[in-house]
Amino acid sequence: MRLVDLEPRWVGYGGEDVTHNGEPVPRRERVALSFLCPCGKGERVTLMLRNPPDGGPNPIPELPAWERSGEDFASMSLTPSIQRRDPGGCQWHGFLTDGVFRSC
């Protein structure tokens, strides 16, 4: 399954009325990645990035984040693996490498 086939979107964070630990958070774009889960149930997954494309840090460092390589959805890789643990729902586990999902 290819990332480009799972409706990928960049996700922004921050802006007016957004604070973190009581401090205002400036608006940033492309700090997370969202896509339909490869399990096929139609659930959307959102992952924070340790190294967003804008060159800044992960805006919420206490949340899990993935290391990104590749500049577009067709070539993107993420590490470590992605493991969903939704109670009563999806338990998909796998890797995104060179724009392709592979289940474990």
PDB file of N, CA and C in Angstrom:
ATOM      1  N   MET A   1       0.857  -1.174   0.000  1.00  0.00           N
ATOM      2  CA  MET A   1       0.000   0.000   0.000  1.00  0.00           C
ATOM      3  C   MET A   1       0.900   1.232   0.000  1.00  0.00           C
ATOM      4  N   ARG A   2       0.596   2.173  -0.883  1.00  0.00           N
ATOM      5  CA  ARG A   2       1.404   3.384  -0.997  1.00  0.00           C
ATOM      6  C   ARG A   2       0.781   4.532  -0.189  1.00  0.00           C
ATOM      7  N   LEU A   3       1.633   5.344   0.407  1.00  0.00           N
ATOM      8  CA  LEU A   3       1.163   6.504   1.158  1.00  0.00           C
ATOM      9  C   LEU A   3       0.317   7.412   0.270  1.00  0.00           C
ATOM     10  N   VAL A   4       0.712   7.636  -0.965  1.00  0.00           N
ATOM     11  CA  VAL A   4      -0.038   8.544  -1.844  1.00  0.00           C
ATOM     12  C   VAL A   4      -1.470   8.083  -2.082  1.00  0.00           C
ATOM     13  N   ASP A   5      -1.754   6.793  -1.868  1.00  0.00           N
ATOM     14  CA  ASP A   5      -3.104   6.259  -2.054  1.00  0.00           C
ATOM     15  C   ASP A   5      -3.973   6.371  -0.799  1.00  0.00           C
ATOM     16  N   LEU A   6      -3.390   6.838   0.306  1.00  0.00           N
ATOM     17  CA  LEU A   6      -4.113   6.883   1.584  1.00  0.00           C
ATOM     18  C   LEU A   6      -4.421   8.313   2.032  1.00  0.00           C
ATOM     19  N   GLU A   7      -4.677   9.181   1.070  1.00  0.00           N
ATOM     20  CA  GLU A   7      -5.085  10.570   1.326  1.00  0.00           C
ATOM     21  C   GLU A   7      -4.164  11.283   2.317  1.00  0.00           C
ATOM     22  N   PRO A   8      -2.853  11.300   2.055  1.00  0.00           N
ATOM     23  CA  PRO A   8      -1.941  11.963   2.996  1.00  0.00           C
ATOM     24  C   PRO A   8      -2.159  13.473   3.012  1.00  0.00           C
ATOM     25  N   ARG A   9      -1.937  14.058   4.178  1.00  0.00           N
ATOM     26  CA  ARG A   9      -2.053  15.509   4.369  1.00  0.00           C
ATOM     27  C   ARG A   9      -0.984  15.948   5.353  1.00  0.00           C
ATOM     28  N   TRP A  10      -0.492  17.147   5.139  1.00  0.00           N
ATOM     29  CA  TRP A  10       0.354  17.769   6.146  1.00  0.00           C
ATOM     30  C   TRP A  10      -0.559  18.395   7.198  1.00  0.00           C
ATOM     31  N   VAL A  11      -0.106  18.410   8.441  1.00  0.00           N
ATOM     32  CA  VAL A  11      -0.877  18.970   9.553  1.00  0.00           C
ATOM     33  C   VAL A  11      -0.059  20.087  10.191  1.00  0.00           C
ATOM     34  N   GLY A  12      -0.725  21.210  10.452  1.00  0.00           N
ATOM     35  CA  GLY A  12      -0.081  22.334  11.123  1.00  0.00           C
ATOM     36  C   GLY A  12      -0.416  22.336  12.609  1.00  0.00           C
ATOM     37  N   TYR A  13       0.201  23.270  13.319  1.00  0.00           N
ATOM     38  CA  TYR A  13      -0.030  23.364  14.764  1.00  0.00           C
ATOM     39  C   TYR A  13       0.272  24.795  15.196  1.00  0.00           C
ATOM     40  N   GLY A  14      -0.468  25.254  16.211  1.00  0.00           N
ATOM     41  CA  GLY A  14      -0.217  26.570  16.782  1.00  0.00           C
ATOM     42  C   GLY A  14      -1.108  27.625  16.164  1.00  0.00           C
ATOM     43  N   GLY A  15      -0.825  28.863  16.544  1.00  0.00           N
ATOM     44  CA  GLY A  15      -1.586  29.990  16.032  1.00  0.00           C
ATOM     45  C   GLY A  15      -2.392  30.660  17.122  1.00  0.00           C
ATOM     46  N   GLU A  16      -3.271  31.530  16.709  1.00  0.00           N
ATOM     47  CA  GLU A  16      -4.079  32.309  17.634  1.00  0.00           C
ATOM     48  C   GLU A  16      -4.810  31.405  18.627  1.00  0.00           C
ATOM     49  N   ASP A  17      -4.738  31.765  19.900  1.00  0.00           N
ATOM     50  CA  ASP A  17      -5.407  31.064  21.003  1.00  0.00           C
ATOM     51  C   ASP A  17      -4.831  29.685  21.311  1.00  0.00           C
ATOM     52  N   VAL A  18      -3.667  29.334  20.778  1.00  0.00           N
ATOM     53  CA  VAL A  18      -3.033  28.056  21.092  1.00  0.00           C
ATOM     54  C   VAL A  18      -1.853  28.315  22.016  1.00  0.00           C
ATOM     55  N   THR A  19      -1.848  27.597  23.159  1.00  0.00           N
ATOM     56  CA  THR A  19      -0.734  27.706  24.098  1.00  0.00           C
ATOM     57  C   THR A  19      -0.201  26.315  24.422  1.00  0.00           C
ATOM     58  N   HIS A  20       1.042  26.272  24.858  1.00  0.00           N
ATOM     59  CA  HIS A  20       1.674  25.030  25.308  1.00  0.00           C
ATOM     60  C   HIS A  20       2.450  25.377  26.570  1.00  0.00           C
ATOM     61  N   ASN A  21       2.115  24.700  27.669  1.00  0.00           N
ATOM     62  CA  ASN A  21       2.705  25.014  28.979  1.00  0.00           C
ATOM     63  C   ASN A  21       2.544  26.493  29.311  1.00  0.00           C
ATOM     64  N   GLY A  22       1.392  27.060  28.919  1.00  0.00           N
ATOM     65  CA  GLY A  22       1.074  28.441  29.239  1.00  0.00           C
ATOM     66  C   GLY A  22       1.668  29.481  28.313  1.00  0.00           C
ATOM     67  N   GLU A  23       2.445  29.070  27.344  1.00  0.00           N
ATOM     68  CA  GLU A  23       3.087  30.003  26.412  1.00  0.00           C
ATOM     69  C   GLU A  23       2.397  29.962  25.059  1.00  0.00           C
ATOM     70  N   PRO A  24       2.245  31.123  24.403  1.00  0.00           N
ATOM     71  CA  PRO A  24       1.650  31.129  23.056  1.00  0.00           C
ATOM     72  C   PRO A  24       2.510  30.313  22.087  1.00  0.00           C
ATOM     73  N   VAL A  25       1.846  29.654  21.169  1.00  0.00           N
ATOM     74  CA  VAL A  25       2.545  28.841  20.175  1.00  0.00           C
ATOM     75  C   VAL A  25       2.332  29.469  18.803  1.00  0.00           C
ATOM     76  N   PRO A  26       3.418  29.934  18.158  1.00  0.00           N
ATOM     77  CA  PRO A  26       3.252  30.489  16.816  1.00  0.00           C
ATOM     78  C   PRO A  26       2.796  29.418  15.827  1.00  0.00           C
ATOM     79  N   ARG A  27       2.043  29.811  14.832  1.00  0.00           N
ATOM     80  CA  ARG A  27       1.543  28.882  13.824  1.00  0.00           C
ATOM     81  C   ARG A  27       2.701  28.334  12.998  1.00  0.00           C
ATOM     82  N   ARG A  28       2.703  27.006  12.840  1.00  0.00           N
ATOM     83  CA  ARG A  28       3.657  26.327  11.970  1.00  0.00           C
ATOM     84  C   ARG A  28       2.896  25.348  11.098  1.00  0.00           C
ATOM     85  N   GLU A  29       3.351  25.170   9.893  1.00  0.00           N
ATOM     86  CA  GLU A  29       2.730  24.237   8.960  1.00  0.00           C
ATOM     87  C   GLU A  29       3.618  23.007   8.819  1.00  0.00           C
ATOM     88  N   ARG A  30       3.016  21.888   8.434  1.00  0.00           N
ATOM     89  CA  ARG A  30       3.732  20.661   8.106  1.00  0.00           C
ATOM     90  C   ARG A  30       4.599  20.136   9.267  1.00  0.00           C
ATOM     91  N   VAL A  31       4.012  20.101  10.461  1.00  0.00           N
ATOM     92  CA  VAL A  31       4.728  19.551  11.617  1.00  0.00           C
ATOM     93  C   VAL A  31       4.298  18.117  11.920  1.00  0.00           C
ATOM     94  N   ALA A  32       3.249  17.655  11.245  1.00  0.00           N
ATOM     95  CA  ALA A  32       2.748  16.294  11.427  1.00  0.00           C
ATOM     96  C   ALA A  32       2.221  15.797  10.090  1.00  0.00           C
ATOM     97  N   LEU A  33       2.047  14.490  10.020  1.00  0.00           N
ATOM     98  CA  LEU A  33       1.550  13.825   8.823  1.00  0.00           C
ATOM     99  C   LEU A  33       0.275  13.078   9.185  1.00  0.00           C
ATOM    100  N   SER A  34      -0.745  13.186   8.349  1.00  0.00           N
ATOM    101  CA  SER A  34      -2.010  12.486   8.551  1.00  0.00           C
ATOM    102  C   SER A  34      -2.310  11.670   7.300  1.00  0.00           C
ATOM    103  N   PHE A  35      -2.845  10.452   7.494  1.00  0.00           N
ATOM    104  CA  PHE A  35      -3.176   9.568   6.373  1.00  0.00           C
ATOM    105  C   PHE A  35      -4.192   8.534   6.843  1.00  0.00           C
ATOM    106  N   LEU A  36      -4.857   7.883   5.906  1.00  0.00           N
ATOM    107  CA  LEU A  36      -5.760   6.792   6.252  1.00  0.00           C
ATOM    108  C   LEU A  36      -4.923   5.584   6.649  1.00  0.00           C
ATOM    109  N   CYS A  37      -5.336   4.892   7.699  1.00  0.00           N
ATOM    110  CA  CYS A  37      -4.582   3.734   8.188  1.00  0.00           C
ATOM    111  C   CYS A  37      -4.496   2.654   7.109  1.00  0.00           C
ATOM    112  N   PRO A  38      -3.330   2.046   6.941  1.00  0.00           N
ATOM    113  CA  PRO A  38      -3.178   0.964   5.963  1.00  0.00           C
ATOM    114  C   PRO A  38      -4.033  -0.270   6.264  1.00  0.00           C
ATOM    115  N   CYS A  39      -4.647  -0.350   7.442  1.00  0.00           N
ATOM    116  CA  CYS A  39      -5.482  -1.507   7.783  1.00  0.00           C
ATOM    117  C   CYS A  39      -6.723  -1.580   6.903  1.00  0.00           C
ATOM    118  N   GLY A  40      -7.123  -0.455   6.314  1.00  0.00           N
ATOM    119  CA  GLY A  40      -8.266  -0.447   5.413  1.00  0.00           C
ATOM    120  C   GLY A  40      -9.599  -0.137   6.061  1.00  0.00           C
ATOM    121  N   LYS A  41      -9.629   0.163   7.364  1.00  0.00           N
ATOM    122  CA  LYS A  41     -10.899   0.450   8.046  1.00  0.00           C
ATOM    123  C   LYS A  41     -11.331   1.903   7.915  1.00  0.00           C
ATOM    124  N   GLY A  42     -10.524   2.728   7.258  1.00  0.00           N
ATOM    125  CA  GLY A  42     -10.896   4.117   7.020  1.00  0.00           C
ATOM    126  C   GLY A  42     -10.587   5.076   8.150  1.00  0.00           C
ATOM    127  N   GLU A  43      -9.846   4.637   9.163  1.00  0.00           N
ATOM    128  CA  GLU A  43      -9.485   5.514  10.279  1.00  0.00           C
ATOM    129  C   GLU A  43      -8.278   6.366   9.893  1.00  0.00           C
ATOM    130  N   ARG A  44      -8.280   7.611  10.332  1.00  0.00           N
ATOM    131  CA  ARG A  44      -7.183   8.523  10.034  1.00  0.00           C
ATOM    132  C   ARG A  44      -6.140   8.448  11.142  1.00  0.00           C
ATOM    133  N   VAL A  45      -4.881   8.425  10.740  1.00  0.00           N
ATOM    134  CA  VAL A  45      -3.733   8.384  11.642  1.00  0.00           C
ATOM    135  C   VAL A  45      -3.013   9.722  11.519  1.00  0.00           C
ATOM    136  N   THR A  46      -2.585  10.299  12.643  1.00  0.00           N
ATOM    137  CA  THR A  46      -1.784  11.519  12.625  1.00  0.00           C
ATOM    138  C   THR A  46      -0.528  11.276  13.452  1.00  0.00           C
ATOM    139  N   LEU A  47       0.621  11.543  12.853  1.00  0.00           N
ATOM    140  CA  LEU A  47       1.908  11.330  13.502  1.00  0.00           C
ATOM    141  C   LEU A  47       2.698  12.631  13.544  1.00  0.00           C
ATOM    142  N   MET A  48       3.186  12.997  14.726  1.00  0.00           N
ATOM    143  CA  MET A  48       4.065  14.159  14.860  1.00  0.00           C
ATOM    144  C   MET A  48       5.426  13.792  14.273  1.00  0.00           C
ATOM    145  N   LEU A  49       6.140  14.803  13.785  1.00  0.00           N
ATOM    146  CA  LEU A  49       7.453  14.587  13.185  1.00  0.00           C
ATOM    147  C   LEU A  49       8.549  15.191  14.054  1.00  0.00           C
ATOM    148  N   ARG A  50       9.616  14.434  14.279  1.00  0.00           N
ATOM    149  CA  ARG A  50      10.775  14.956  15.016  1.00  0.00           C
ATOM    150  C   ARG A  50      11.486  16.027  14.214  1.00  0.00           C
ATOM    151  N   ASN A  51      11.445  15.873  12.904  1.00  0.00           N
ATOM    152  CA  ASN A  51      12.147  16.798  12.015  1.00  0.00           C
ATOM    153  C   ASN A  51      11.204  17.284  10.909  1.00  0.00           C
ATOM    154  N   PRO A  52      10.279  18.189  11.257  1.00  0.00           N
ATOM    155  CA  PRO A  52       9.339  18.692  10.257  1.00  0.00           C
ATOM    156  C   PRO A  52      10.072  19.351   9.086  1.00  0.00           C
ATOM    157  N   PRO A  53       9.430  19.400   7.913  1.00  0.00           N
ATOM    158  CA  PRO A  53      10.063  20.000   6.739  1.00  0.00           C
ATOM    159  C   PRO A  53      10.473  21.463   6.911  1.00  0.00           C
ATOM    160  N   ASP A  54       9.851  22.199   7.852  1.00  0.00           N
ATOM    161  CA  ASP A  54      10.217  23.607   8.021  1.00  0.00           C
ATOM    162  C   ASP A  54      11.541  23.783   8.763  1.00  0.00           C
ATOM    163  N   GLY A  55      12.151  22.683   9.214  1.00  0.00           N
ATOM    164  CA  GLY A  55      13.451  22.757   9.877  1.00  0.00           C
ATOM    165  C   GLY A  55      13.384  23.010  11.374  1.00  0.00           C
ATOM    166  N   GLY A  56      12.200  23.287  11.903  1.00  0.00           N
ATOM    167  CA  GLY A  56      12.048  23.515  13.331  1.00  0.00           C
ATOM    168  C   GLY A  56      11.905  22.203  14.086  1.00  0.00           C
ATOM    169  N   PRO A  57      11.894  22.277  15.411  1.00  0.00           N
ATOM    170  CA  PRO A  57      11.755  21.067  16.225  1.00  0.00           C
ATOM    171  C   PRO A  57      10.307  20.593  16.289  1.00  0.00           C
ATOM    172  N   ASN A  58      10.130  19.391  16.807  1.00  0.00           N
ATOM    173  CA  ASN A  58       8.791  18.878  17.105  1.00  0.00           C
ATOM    174  C   ASN A  58       8.139  19.868  18.072  1.00  0.00           C
ATOM    175  N   PRO A  59       6.963  20.411  17.753  1.00  0.00           N
ATOM    176  CA  PRO A  59       6.363  21.430  18.609  1.00  0.00           C
ATOM    177  C   PRO A  59       5.810  20.898  19.932  1.00  0.00           C
ATOM    178  N   ILE A  60       5.606  19.596  20.060  1.00  0.00           N
ATOM    179  CA  ILE A  60       5.097  19.019  21.306  1.00  0.00           C
ATOM    180  C   ILE A  60       6.040  17.866  21.680  1.00  0.00           C
ATOM    181  N   PRO A  61       7.202  18.170  22.264  1.00  0.00           N
ATOM    182  CA  PRO A  61       8.227  17.144  22.477  1.00  0.00           C
ATOM    183  C   PRO A  61       7.826  16.007  23.409  1.00  0.00           C
ATOM    184  N   GLU A  62       6.806  16.186  24.224  1.00  0.00           N
ATOM    185  CA  GLU A  62       6.415  15.094  25.123  1.00  0.00           C
ATOM    186  C   GLU A  62       5.551  14.036  24.431  1.00  0.00           C
ATOM    187  N   LEU A  63       5.125  14.300  23.201  1.00  0.00           N
ATOM    188  CA  LEU A  63       4.368  13.308  22.430  1.00  0.00           C
ATOM    189  C   LEU A  63       5.315  12.456  21.594  1.00  0.00           C
ATOM    190  N   PRO A  64       4.933  11.209  21.317  1.00  0.00           N
ATOM    191  CA  PRO A  64       5.755  10.394  20.406  1.00  0.00           C
ATOM    192  C   PRO A  64       5.875  11.092  19.052  1.00  0.00           C
ATOM    193  N   ALA A  65       7.025  10.940  18.423  1.00  0.00           N
ATOM    194  CA  ALA A  65       7.262  11.555  17.119  1.00  0.00           C
ATOM    195  C   ALA A  65       8.128  10.638  16.275  1.00  0.00           C
ATOM    196  N   TRP A  66       8.017  10.802  14.959  1.00  0.00           N
ATOM    197  CA  TRP A  66       8.719   9.948  14.002  1.00  0.00           C
ATOM    198  C   TRP A  66       9.735  10.767  13.228  1.00  0.00           C
ATOM    199  N   GLU A  67      10.857  10.141  12.943  1.00  0.00           N
ATOM    200  CA  GLU A  67      11.906  10.747  12.119  1.00  0.00           C
ATOM    201  C   GLU A  67      11.529  10.571  10.654  1.00  0.00           C
ATOM    202  N   ARG A  68      11.538  11.660   9.905  1.00  0.00           N
ATOM    203  CA  ARG A  68      11.126  11.663   8.509  1.00  0.00           C
ATOM    204  C   ARG A  68      12.341  11.781   7.598  1.00  0.00           C
ATOM    205  N   SER A  69      12.323  11.004   6.518  1.00  0.00           N
ATOM    206  CA  SER A  69      13.244  11.244   5.407  1.00  0.00           C
ATOM    207  C   SER A  69      12.403  11.244   4.139  1.00  0.00           C
ATOM    208  N   GLY A  70      12.890  11.919   3.115  1.00  0.00           N
ATOM    209  CA  GLY A  70      12.116  12.099   1.893  1.00  0.00           C
ATOM    210  C   GLY A  70      11.354  13.403   1.966  1.00  0.00           C
ATOM    211  N   GLU A  71      11.240  14.072   0.836  1.00  0.00           N
ATOM    212  CA  GLU A  71      10.623  15.396   0.813  1.00  0.00           C
ATOM    213  C   GLU A  71       9.170  15.391   0.379  1.00  0.00           C
ATOM    214  N   ASP A  72       8.695  14.276  -0.174  1.00  0.00           N
ATOM    215  CA  ASP A  72       7.302  14.235  -0.615  1.00  0.00           C
ATOM    216  C   ASP A  72       6.683  12.900  -0.208  1.00  0.00           C
ATOM    217  N   PHE A  73       5.379  12.785  -0.395  1.00  0.00           N
ATOM    218  CA  PHE A  73       4.666  11.584   0.039  1.00  0.00           C
ATOM    219  C   PHE A  73       5.114  10.335  -0.719  1.00  0.00           C
ATOM    220  N   ALA A  74       5.533  10.489  -1.959  1.00  0.00           N
ATOM    221  CA  ALA A  74       5.937   9.333  -2.769  1.00  0.00           C
ATOM    222  C   ALA A  74       7.265   8.732  -2.326  1.00  0.00           C
ATOM    223  N   SER A  75       8.116   9.520  -1.676  1.00  0.00           N
ATOM    224  CA  SER A  75       9.436   9.028  -1.285  1.00  0.00           C
ATOM    225  C   SER A  75       9.647   8.984   0.227  1.00  0.00           C
ATOM    226  N   MET A  76       8.636   9.322   1.015  1.00  0.00           N
ATOM    227  CA  MET A  76       8.798   9.457   2.457  1.00  0.00           C
ATOM    228  C   MET A  76       9.037   8.121   3.162  1.00  0.00           C
ATOM    229  N   SER A  77       9.928   8.168   4.154  1.00  0.00           N
ATOM    230  CA  SER A  77      10.146   7.058   5.079  1.00  0.00           C
ATOM    231  C   SER A  77      10.017   7.613   6.488  1.00  0.00           C
ATOM    232  N   LEU A  78       9.508   6.800   7.415  1.00  0.00           N
ATOM    233  CA  LEU A  78       9.397   7.183   8.822  1.00  0.00           C
ATOM    234  C   LEU A  78      10.033   6.109   9.681  1.00  0.00           C
ATOM    235  N   THR A  79      10.714   6.525  10.720  1.00  0.00           N
ATOM    236  CA  THR A  79      11.224   5.591  11.726  1.00  0.00           C
ATOM    237  C   THR A  79      10.914   6.158  13.089  1.00  0.00           C
ATOM    238  N   PRO A  80      10.634   5.334  14.073  1.00  0.00           N
ATOM    239  CA  PRO A  80      10.582   3.878  14.039  1.00  0.00           C
ATOM    240  C   PRO A  80       9.306   3.390  13.341  1.00  0.00           C
ATOM    241  N   SER A  81       8.987   2.113  13.547  1.00  0.00           N
ATOM    242  CA  SER A  81       7.769   1.553  12.966  1.00  0.00           C
ATOM    243  C   SER A  81       6.544   2.267  13.538  1.00  0.00           C
ATOM    244  N   ILE A  82       5.428   2.083  12.874  1.00  0.00           N
ATOM    245  CA  ILE A  82       4.149   2.656  13.301  1.00  0.00           C
ATOM    246  C   ILE A  82       3.317   1.507  13.874  1.00  0.00           C
ATOM    247  N   GLN A  83       2.893   1.661  15.131  1.00  0.00           N
ATOM    248  CA  GLN A  83       2.064   0.617  15.742  1.00  0.00           C
ATOM    249  C   GLN A  83       0.825   1.252  16.331  1.00  0.00           C
ATOM    250  N   ARG A  84      -0.330   0.883  15.787  1.00  0.00           N
ATOM    251  CA  ARG A  84      -1.609   1.373  16.307  1.00  0.00           C
ATOM    252  C   ARG A  84      -2.052   0.474  17.445  1.00  0.00           C
ATOM    253  N   ARG A  85      -2.582   1.062  18.483  1.00  0.00           N
ATOM    254  CA  ARG A  85      -3.067   0.294  19.640  1.00  0.00           C
ATOM    255  C   ARG A  85      -4.400   0.860  20.104  1.00  0.00           C
ATOM    256  N   ASP A  86      -5.349   0.929  19.186  1.00  0.00           N
ATOM    257  CA  ASP A  86      -6.668   1.445  19.534  1.00  0.00           C
ATOM    258  C   ASP A  86      -7.467   0.366  20.245  1.00  0.00           C
ATOM    259  N   PRO A  87      -7.890   0.615  21.497  1.00  0.00           N
ATOM    260  CA  PRO A  87      -8.688  -0.387  22.201  1.00  0.00           C
ATOM    261  C   PRO A  87      -9.942  -0.735  21.405  1.00  0.00           C
ATOM    262  N   GLY A  88     -10.122  -2.012  21.139  1.00  0.00           N
ATOM    263  CA  GLY A  88     -11.285  -2.475  20.400  1.00  0.00           C
ATOM    264  C   GLY A  88     -11.258  -2.129  18.923  1.00  0.00           C
ATOM    265  N   GLY A  89     -10.131  -1.604  18.449  1.00  0.00           N
ATOM    266  CA  GLY A  89     -10.055  -1.187  17.046  1.00  0.00           C
ATOM    267  C   GLY A  89      -8.801  -1.709  16.379  1.00  0.00           C
ATOM    268  N   CYS A  90      -8.242  -0.886  15.558  1.00  0.00           N
ATOM    269  CA  CYS A  90      -7.103  -1.241  14.720  1.00  0.00           C
ATOM    270  C   CYS A  90      -5.859  -1.541  15.556  1.00  0.00           C
ATOM    271  N   GLN A  91      -5.150  -2.573  15.159  1.00  0.00           N
ATOM    272  CA  GLN A  91      -3.887  -2.937  15.802  1.00  0.00           C
ATOM    273  C   GLN A  91      -2.764  -3.028  14.760  1.00  0.00           C
ATOM    274  N   TRP A  92      -2.894  -2.278  13.648  1.00  0.00           N
ATOM    275  CA  TRP A  92      -1.922  -2.372  12.560  1.00  0.00           C
ATOM    276  C   TRP A  92      -0.524  -2.011  13.040  1.00  0.00           C
ATOM    277  N   HIS A  93       0.468  -2.725  12.536  1.00  0.00           N
ATOM    278  CA  HIS A  93       1.865  -2.462  12.855  1.00  0.00           C
ATOM    279  C   HIS A  93       2.679  -2.638  11.587  1.00  0.00           C
ATOM    280  N   GLY A  94       3.505  -1.648  11.267  1.00  0.00           N
ATOM    281  CA  GLY A  94       4.333  -1.765  10.078  1.00  0.00           C
ATOM    282  C   GLY A  94       5.251  -0.576   9.900  1.00  0.00           C
ATOM    283  N   PHE A  95       5.849  -0.507   8.718  1.00  0.00           N
ATOM    284  CA  PHE A  95       6.830   0.512   8.379  1.00  0.00           C
ATOM    285  C   PHE A  95       6.391   1.291   7.154  1.00  0.00           C
ATOM    286  N   LEU A  96       6.786   2.559   7.086  1.00  0.00           N
ATOM    287  CA  LEU A  96       6.670   3.351   5.877  1.00  0.00           C
ATOM    288  C   LEU A  96       8.080   3.568   5.369  1.00  0.00           C
ATOM    289  N   THR A  97       8.390   2.992   4.205  1.00  0.00           N
ATOM    290  CA  THR A  97       9.719   3.093   3.611  1.00  0.00           C
ATOM    291  C   THR A  97       9.583   3.457   2.146  1.00  0.00           C
ATOM    292  N   ASP A  98      10.225   4.533   1.740  1.00  0.00           N
ATOM    293  CA  ASP A  98      10.183   5.002   0.350  1.00  0.00           C
ATOM    294  C   ASP A  98       8.757   5.106  -0.173  1.00  0.00           C
ATOM    295  N   GLY A  99       7.857   5.615   0.675  1.00  0.00           N
ATOM    296  CA  GLY A  99       6.471   5.858   0.278  1.00  0.00           C
ATOM    297  C   GLY A  99       5.559   4.652   0.274  1.00  0.00           C
ATOM    298  N   VAL A 100       6.063   3.490   0.746  1.00  0.00           N
ATOM    299  CA  VAL A 100       5.287   2.256   0.734  1.00  0.00           C
ATOM    300  C   VAL A 100       5.162   1.706   2.152  1.00  0.00           C
ATOM    301  N   PHE A 101       3.926   1.335   2.540  1.00  0.00           N
ATOM    302  CA  PHE A 101       3.685   0.707   3.834  1.00  0.00           C
ATOM    303  C   PHE A 101       3.899  -0.794   3.723  1.00  0.00           C
ATOM    304  N   ARG A 102       4.573  -1.350   4.736  1.00  0.00           N
ATOM    305  CA  ARG A 102       4.760  -2.799   4.818  1.00  0.00           C
ATOM    306  C   ARG A 102       4.381  -3.230   6.225  1.00  0.00           C
ATOM    307  N   SER A 103       3.468  -4.201   6.306  1.00  0.00           N
ATOM    308  CA  SER A 103       3.019  -4.716   7.606  1.00  0.00           C
ATOM    309  C   SER A 103       4.082  -5.607   8.224  1.00  0.00           C
ATOM    310  N   CYS A 104       4.113  -5.628   9.556  1.00  0.00           N
ATOM    311  CA  CYS A 104       5.025  -6.526  10.284  1.00  0.00           C
ATOM    312  C   CYS A 104       4.354  -7.872  10.459  1.00  0.00           C
TER     313      CYS A 104
END
